[in-house]
Amino acid sequence: MAVQLLVITPPTTAPEEARVAGALLAAGLATLHLRKPGAPAEALAAYIEAIPAEFHCRLVLHSHHALVPRYGLRGAHLTAARRAAGPPPWRPGSGFTLSTSFHSLAEVARHRRRYDYVFLSPVFDSLSKPGYGAAFDLGAVPGALARWAARPGYRPQVLALSGIGAANLDAVRSMGFAGAAVLGAVWQSPDPVAAFRALQLVVG
């Protein structure tokens, strides 16, 4: 079974990053999460405008959600703080996706139905955050994912986050995750597009 592969941007913007992001999307990346904590709306808008408009429908914003309908993006991702403030004003029934991140199976069980998909982290030791280690008994994850998937009207999809790379994508698949979100394995590579293409070969 193939798993979805999403990419999250680094928190700070490097030179030429928007160009590389566009190249990742051109290489087949289905969803790019723009996570730029602290960046002003104008900077995010400039980043979006530097990406070809044909790919805007594959972008998800972690902040400044008013830009989502303005640019026809895919959707919004809520941080824990933003989650407490409630969903964006253009939900529900807007056609935009809504996602968030949880850090325990119990959180997913309680709140998952509000979202189109969620990240569960940290599943493995982070590649991009030194000292951010795995926090799950991975033996408990497959059973929980299987129970949720067996329920009528199952939602949302649960994707693995943190420490995802070519070496553990098979484990992500075998545990029953719908996909994985990648950061360090792509952006820490000297050639992010080649790194992404290598991951694509693994997920099938």
C-alpha atoms as a PDB file:
ATOM      1  CA  MET A   1       0.000   0.000   0.000  1.00  0.00           C
ATOM      2  CA  ALA A   2       1.367   3.397  -1.001  1.00  0.00           C
ATOM      3  CA  VAL A   3       1.554   6.127   1.638  1.00  0.00           C
ATOM      4  CA  GLN A   4       1.132   9.846   1.144  1.00  0.00           C
ATOM      5  CA  LEU A   5       4.245  11.975   1.318  1.00  0.00           C
ATOM      6  CA  LEU A   6       3.958  15.581   2.498  1.00  0.00           C
ATOM      7  CA  VAL A   7       6.794  18.062   2.968  1.00  0.00           C
ATOM      8  CA  ILE A   8       6.987  20.788   5.626  1.00  0.00           C
ATOM      9  CA  THR A   9       9.192  23.831   5.087  1.00  0.00           C
ATOM     10  CA  PRO A  10      11.949  24.816   7.536  1.00  0.00           C
ATOM     11  CA  PRO A  11      10.830  27.454  10.056  1.00  0.00           C
ATOM     12  CA  THR A  12      13.214  30.079   8.655  1.00  0.00           C
ATOM     13  CA  THR A  13      13.425  30.831   4.955  1.00  0.00           C
ATOM     14  CA  ALA A  14      16.697  30.165   3.175  1.00  0.00           C
ATOM     15  CA  PRO A  15      17.765  31.920  -0.047  1.00  0.00           C
ATOM     16  CA  GLU A  16      16.183  30.281  -3.079  1.00  0.00           C
ATOM     17  CA  GLU A  17      13.855  28.236  -0.850  1.00  0.00           C
ATOM     18  CA  ALA A  18      10.693  29.276  -2.689  1.00  0.00           C
ATOM     19  CA  ARG A  19      12.280  28.252  -5.990  1.00  0.00           C
ATOM     20  CA  VAL A  20      13.177  24.847  -4.523  1.00  0.00           C
ATOM     21  CA  ALA A  21       9.639  24.523  -3.150  1.00  0.00           C
ATOM     22  CA  GLY A  22       8.301  25.096  -6.644  1.00  0.00           C
ATOM     23  CA  ALA A  23      10.676  22.462  -8.004  1.00  0.00           C
ATOM     24  CA  LEU A  24       9.455  19.957  -5.369  1.00  0.00           C
ATOM     25  CA  LEU A  25       5.868  20.592  -6.435  1.00  0.00           C
ATOM     26  CA  ALA A  26       6.841  20.229 -10.092  1.00  0.00           C
ATOM     27  CA  ALA A  27       8.474  16.894  -9.188  1.00  0.00           C
ATOM     28  CA  GLY A  28       5.135  15.579  -7.941  1.00  0.00           C
ATOM     29  CA  LEU A  29       4.829  16.723  -4.333  1.00  0.00           C
ATOM     30  CA  ALA A  30       1.100  16.686  -3.589  1.00  0.00           C
ATOM     31  CA  THR A  31       1.096  18.892  -0.490  1.00  0.00           C
ATOM     32  CA  LEU A  32       3.598  21.410   0.871  1.00  0.00           C
ATOM     33  CA  HIS A  33       3.051  22.808   4.362  1.00  0.00           C
ATOM     34  CA  LEU A  34       4.384  26.361   4.728  1.00  0.00           C
ATOM     35  CA  ARG A  35       5.428  26.624   8.367  1.00  0.00           C
ATOM     36  CA  LYS A  36       7.056  29.971   9.082  1.00  0.00           C
ATOM     37  CA  PRO A  37       6.389  30.851  12.734  1.00  0.00           C
ATOM     38  CA  GLY A  38       6.830  34.549  13.347  1.00  0.00           C
ATOM     39  CA  ALA A  39       6.957  35.507   9.678  1.00  0.00           C
ATOM     40  CA  PRO A  40       4.706  38.448   8.767  1.00  0.00           C
ATOM     41  CA  ALA A  41       1.847  37.982   6.349  1.00  0.00           C
ATOM     42  CA  GLU A  42       3.688  39.991   3.701  1.00  0.00           C
ATOM     43  CA  ALA A  43       6.634  37.577   3.768  1.00  0.00           C
ATOM     44  CA  LEU A  44       4.351  34.568   3.415  1.00  0.00           C
ATOM     45  CA  ALA A  45       2.491  36.238   0.567  1.00  0.00           C
ATOM     46  CA  ALA A  46       5.791  36.901  -1.222  1.00  0.00           C
ATOM     47  CA  TYR A  47       6.788  33.254  -0.724  1.00  0.00           C
ATOM     48  CA  ILE A  48       3.474  32.075  -2.186  1.00  0.00           C
ATOM     49  CA  GLU A  49       3.765  34.449  -5.134  1.00  0.00           C
ATOM     50  CA  ALA A  50       7.252  33.089  -5.890  1.00  0.00           C
ATOM     51  CA  ILE A  51       5.712  29.647  -6.448  1.00  0.00           C
ATOM     52  CA  PRO A  52       3.959  29.081  -9.810  1.00  0.00           C
ATOM     53  CA  ALA A  53       0.221  29.716  -9.447  1.00  0.00           C
ATOM     54  CA  GLU A  54      -0.590  26.259 -10.808  1.00  0.00           C
ATOM     55  CA  PHE A  55       0.788  24.814  -7.552  1.00  0.00           C
ATOM     56  CA  HIS A  56      -1.002  27.111  -5.111  1.00  0.00           C
ATOM     57  CA  CYS A  57      -3.776  24.553  -4.642  1.00  0.00           C
ATOM     58  CA  ARG A  58      -1.188  22.233  -3.043  1.00  0.00           C
ATOM     59  CA  LEU A  59      -0.053  24.680  -0.338  1.00  0.00           C
ATOM     60  CA  VAL A  60      -1.153  24.543   3.307  1.00  0.00           C
ATOM     61  CA  LEU A  61      -0.442  27.449   5.680  1.00  0.00           C
ATOM     62  CA  HIS A  62       0.430  27.161   9.367  1.00  0.00           C
ATOM     63  CA  SER A  63      -0.227  30.871   9.998  1.00  0.00           C
ATOM     64  CA  HIS A  64      -1.929  33.900   8.426  1.00  0.00           C
ATOM     65  CA  HIS A  65      -4.836  31.761   7.322  1.00  0.00           C
ATOM     66  CA  ALA A  66      -6.566  34.687   5.611  1.00  0.00           C
ATOM     67  CA  LEU A  67      -4.110  34.067   2.765  1.00  0.00           C
ATOM     68  CA  VAL A  68      -5.661  30.652   2.081  1.00  0.00           C
ATOM     69  CA  PRO A  69      -8.800  31.890   0.301  1.00  0.00           C
ATOM     70  CA  ARG A  70      -6.955  34.895  -1.128  1.00  0.00           C
ATOM     71  CA  TYR A  71      -4.567  32.675  -3.081  1.00  0.00           C
ATOM     72  CA  GLY A  72      -6.784  29.605  -3.483  1.00  0.00           C
ATOM     73  CA  LEU A  73      -4.510  27.424  -1.374  1.00  0.00           C
ATOM     74  CA  ARG A  74      -5.267  23.894  -0.227  1.00  0.00           C
ATOM     75  CA  GLY A  75      -5.964  24.676   3.401  1.00  0.00           C
ATOM     76  CA  ALA A  76      -4.846  25.622   6.890  1.00  0.00           C
ATOM     77  CA  HIS A  77      -2.895  23.789   9.583  1.00  0.00           C
ATOM     78  CA  LEU A  78      -3.657  24.796  13.158  1.00  0.00           C
ATOM     79  CA  THR A  79      -0.980  25.081  15.802  1.00  0.00           C
ATOM     80  CA  ALA A  80      -1.983  24.189  19.360  1.00  0.00           C
ATOM     81  CA  ALA A  81      -2.409  27.886  20.201  1.00  0.00           C
ATOM     82  CA  ARG A  82      -4.484  28.552  17.101  1.00  0.00           C
ATOM     83  CA  ARG A  83      -6.547  25.437  17.787  1.00  0.00           C
ATOM     84  CA  ALA A  84      -7.604  26.904  21.136  1.00  0.00           C
ATOM     85  CA  ALA A  85      -8.834  30.039  19.355  1.00  0.00           C
ATOM     86  CA  GLY A  86     -11.131  28.044  17.070  1.00  0.00           C
ATOM     87  CA  PRO A  87     -11.104  27.233  13.353  1.00  0.00           C
ATOM     88  CA  PRO A  88     -10.568  29.805  10.593  1.00  0.00           C
ATOM     89  CA  PRO A  89     -13.686  31.870   9.814  1.00  0.00           C
ATOM     90  CA  TRP A  90     -14.124  30.309   6.373  1.00  0.00           C
ATOM     91  CA  ARG A  91     -14.737  26.807   7.761  1.00  0.00           C
ATOM     92  CA  PRO A  92     -16.739  24.556   7.467  1.00  0.00           C
ATOM     93  CA  GLY A  93     -17.892  23.642   3.968  1.00  0.00           C
ATOM     94  CA  SER A  94     -15.389  25.969   2.341  1.00  0.00           C
ATOM     95  CA  GLY A  95     -13.569  23.380   0.270  1.00  0.00           C
ATOM     96  CA  PHE A  96     -10.320  24.063   2.150  1.00  0.00           C
ATOM     97  CA  THR A  97      -8.674  21.373   4.268  1.00  0.00           C
ATOM     98  CA  LEU A  98      -8.088  21.693   7.978  1.00  0.00           C
ATOM     99  CA  SER A  99      -5.279  19.840   9.732  1.00  0.00           C
ATOM    100  CA  THR A 100      -3.383  19.912  13.008  1.00  0.00           C
ATOM    101  CA  SER A 101      -0.690  18.066  14.963  1.00  0.00           C
ATOM    102  CA  PHE A 102      -1.192  15.902  18.051  1.00  0.00           C
ATOM    103  CA  HIS A 103       1.361  14.400  20.388  1.00  0.00           C
ATOM    104  CA  SER A 104      -0.550  11.472  21.851  1.00  0.00           C
ATOM    105  CA  LEU A 105      -2.943   8.796  20.693  1.00  0.00           C
ATOM    106  CA  ALA A 106      -5.419  10.017  23.313  1.00  0.00           C
ATOM    107  CA  GLU A 107      -5.461  13.500  21.739  1.00  0.00           C
ATOM    108  CA  VAL A 108      -6.100  12.026  18.311  1.00  0.00           C
ATOM    109  CA  ALA A 109      -8.943   9.880  19.692  1.00  0.00           C
ATOM    110  CA  ARG A 110     -10.640  12.888  21.322  1.00  0.00           C
ATOM    111  CA  HIS A 111     -10.303  15.518  18.629  1.00  0.00           C
ATOM    112  CA  ARG A 112      -9.584  13.869  15.284  1.00  0.00           C
ATOM    113  CA  ARG A 113     -13.079  14.179  13.771  1.00  0.00           C
ATOM    114  CA  ARG A 114     -12.703  17.955  13.492  1.00  0.00           C
ATOM    115  CA  TYR A 115      -9.924  17.634  10.906  1.00  0.00           C
ATOM    116  CA  ASP A 116      -9.351  16.328   7.406  1.00  0.00           C
ATOM    117  CA  TYR A 117      -5.990  14.887   8.438  1.00  0.00           C
ATOM    118  CA  VAL A 118      -3.695  15.092  11.450  1.00  0.00           C
ATOM    119  CA  PHE A 119       0.003  14.644  12.187  1.00  0.00           C
ATOM    120  CA  LEU A 120       1.085  12.404  15.057  1.00  0.00           C
ATOM    121  CA  SER A 121       4.518  13.259  16.442  1.00  0.00           C
ATOM    122  CA  PRO A 122       7.233  12.632  17.396  1.00  0.00           C
ATOM    123  CA  VAL A 123       7.069   9.107  15.976  1.00  0.00           C
ATOM    124  CA  PHE A 124      10.845   8.818  15.482  1.00  0.00           C
ATOM    125  CA  ASP A 125      13.815  10.884  16.674  1.00  0.00           C
ATOM    126  CA  SER A 126      13.711  14.194  14.822  1.00  0.00           C
ATOM    127  CA  LEU A 127      16.214  14.854  12.036  1.00  0.00           C
ATOM    128  CA  SER A 128      15.749  18.635  12.194  1.00  0.00           C
ATOM    129  CA  LYS A 129      15.400  19.216  15.970  1.00  0.00           C
ATOM    130  CA  PRO A 130      18.304  17.818  17.999  1.00  0.00           C
ATOM    131  CA  GLY A 131      17.095  16.342  21.277  1.00  0.00           C
ATOM    132  CA  TYR A 132      13.510  15.955  20.053  1.00  0.00           C
ATOM    133  CA  GLY A 133      13.159  12.217  20.524  1.00  0.00           C
ATOM    134  CA  ALA A 134      10.469   9.666  19.744  1.00  0.00           C
ATOM    135  CA  ALA A 135       7.687   9.680  22.320  1.00  0.00           C
ATOM    136  CA  PHE A 136       5.572   6.661  21.427  1.00  0.00           C
ATOM    137  CA  ASP A 137       5.342   2.993  22.185  1.00  0.00           C
ATOM    138  CA  LEU A 138       5.224   2.107  18.511  1.00  0.00           C
ATOM    139  CA  GLY A 139       3.689  -1.229  19.401  1.00  0.00           C
ATOM    140  CA  ALA A 140       0.482   0.555  20.429  1.00  0.00           C
ATOM    141  CA  VAL A 141       0.131   2.620  17.271  1.00  0.00           C
ATOM    142  CA  PRO A 142      -1.005  -0.027  14.734  1.00  0.00           C
ATOM    143  CA  GLY A 143      -3.892  -1.187  16.904  1.00  0.00           C
ATOM    144  CA  ALA A 144      -5.180   2.344  17.457  1.00  0.00           C
ATOM    145  CA  LEU A 145      -4.948   3.222  13.770  1.00  0.00           C
ATOM    146  CA  ALA A 146      -6.695  -0.020  12.800  1.00  0.00           C
ATOM    147  CA  ARG A 147      -9.543   0.567  15.268  1.00  0.00           C
ATOM    148  CA  TRP A 148     -10.185   4.068  13.968  1.00  0.00           C
ATOM    149  CA  ALA A 149     -10.008   2.954  10.329  1.00  0.00           C
ATOM    150  CA  ALA A 150     -12.592   0.217  10.976  1.00  0.00           C
ATOM    151  CA  ARG A 151     -15.243   2.660  12.203  1.00  0.00           C
ATOM    152  CA  PRO A 152     -17.992   3.883   9.839  1.00  0.00           C
ATOM    153  CA  GLY A 153     -17.304   7.337   8.451  1.00  0.00           C
ATOM    154  CA  TYR A 154     -13.669   7.115   9.541  1.00  0.00           C
ATOM    155  CA  ARG A 155     -11.821  10.401   9.614  1.00  0.00           C
ATOM    156  CA  PRO A 156      -9.303  11.846   9.572  1.00  0.00           C
ATOM    157  CA  GLN A 157      -6.226  10.352   8.024  1.00  0.00           C
ATOM    158  CA  VAL A 158      -3.328  10.108  10.489  1.00  0.00           C
ATOM    159  CA  LEU A 159       0.166  10.868   9.180  1.00  0.00           C
ATOM    160  CA  ALA A 160       3.472  10.237  10.928  1.00  0.00           C
ATOM    161  CA  LEU A 161       5.718  13.199  11.696  1.00  0.00           C
ATOM    162  CA  SER A 162       9.282  13.553  13.016  1.00  0.00           C
ATOM    163  CA  GLY A 163      12.376  11.691  11.963  1.00  0.00           C
ATOM    164  CA  ILE A 164      10.845  10.387   8.734  1.00  0.00           C
ATOM    165  CA  GLY A 165      13.328   9.240   6.107  1.00  0.00           C
ATOM    166  CA  ALA A 166      13.914   6.479   3.593  1.00  0.00           C
ATOM    167  CA  ALA A 167      15.024   4.059   6.323  1.00  0.00           C
ATOM    168  CA  ASN A 168      11.708   4.099   8.196  1.00  0.00           C
ATOM    169  CA  LEU A 169       9.039   4.731   5.559  1.00  0.00           C
ATOM    170  CA  ASP A 170       8.343   1.004   5.401  1.00  0.00           C
ATOM    171  CA  ALA A 171       7.731   1.059   9.164  1.00  0.00           C
ATOM    172  CA  VAL A 172       5.320   3.977   8.699  1.00  0.00           C
ATOM    173  CA  ARG A 173       3.427   1.921   6.135  1.00  0.00           C
ATOM    174  CA  SER A 174       3.377  -1.250   8.216  1.00  0.00           C
ATOM    175  CA  MET A 175       2.026   0.592  11.276  1.00  0.00           C
ATOM    176  CA  GLY A 176      -0.980   1.725   9.255  1.00  0.00           C
ATOM    177  CA  PHE A 177      -0.292   5.435   8.880  1.00  0.00           C
ATOM    178  CA  ALA A 178      -1.932   7.018   5.852  1.00  0.00           C
ATOM    179  CA  GLY A 179       1.282   8.849   5.116  1.00  0.00           C
ATOM    180  CA  ALA A 180       4.214  10.803   6.455  1.00  0.00           C
ATOM    181  CA  ALA A 181       5.289  14.420   6.697  1.00  0.00           C
ATOM    182  CA  VAL A 182       8.955  15.068   5.966  1.00  0.00           C
ATOM    183  CA  LEU A 183      11.205  17.984   6.824  1.00  0.00           C
ATOM    184  CA  GLY A 184      14.858  17.212   7.585  1.00  0.00           C
ATOM    185  CA  ALA A 185      15.228  14.328   5.126  1.00  0.00           C
ATOM    186  CA  VAL A 186      14.481  16.760   2.281  1.00  0.00           C
ATOM    187  CA  TRP A 187      15.719  20.171   3.380  1.00  0.00           C
ATOM    188  CA  GLN A 188      18.955  19.005   5.014  1.00  0.00           C
ATOM    189  CA  SER A 189      19.994  17.366   1.757  1.00  0.00           C
ATOM    190  CA  PRO A 190      22.345  19.284  -0.575  1.00  0.00           C
ATOM    191  CA  ASP A 191      19.781  18.514  -3.298  1.00  0.00           C
ATOM    192  CA  PRO A 192      16.275  18.629  -1.775  1.00  0.00           C
ATOM    193  CA  VAL A 193      14.547  17.700  -5.030  1.00  0.00           C
ATOM    194  CA  ALA A 194      16.709  14.598  -5.516  1.00  0.00           C
ATOM    195  CA  ALA A 195      16.101  13.655  -1.877  1.00  0.00           C
ATOM    196  CA  PHE A 196      12.365  13.973  -2.384  1.00  0.00           C
ATOM    197  CA  ARG A 197      12.459  11.873  -5.538  1.00  0.00           C
ATOM    198  CA  ALA A 198      14.354   9.153  -3.646  1.00  0.00           C
ATOM    199  CA  LEU A 199      11.628   9.137  -0.996  1.00  0.00           C
ATOM    200  CA  GLN A 200       8.971   8.910  -3.703  1.00  0.00           C
ATOM    201  CA  LEU A 201      10.551   5.678  -4.913  1.00  0.00           C
ATOM    202  CA  VAL A 202      10.260   4.205  -1.420  1.00  0.00           C
ATOM    203  CA  VAL A 203       6.595   5.105  -0.863  1.00  0.00           C
ATOM    204  CA  GLY A 204       5.574   3.759  -4.284  1.00  0.00           C
END
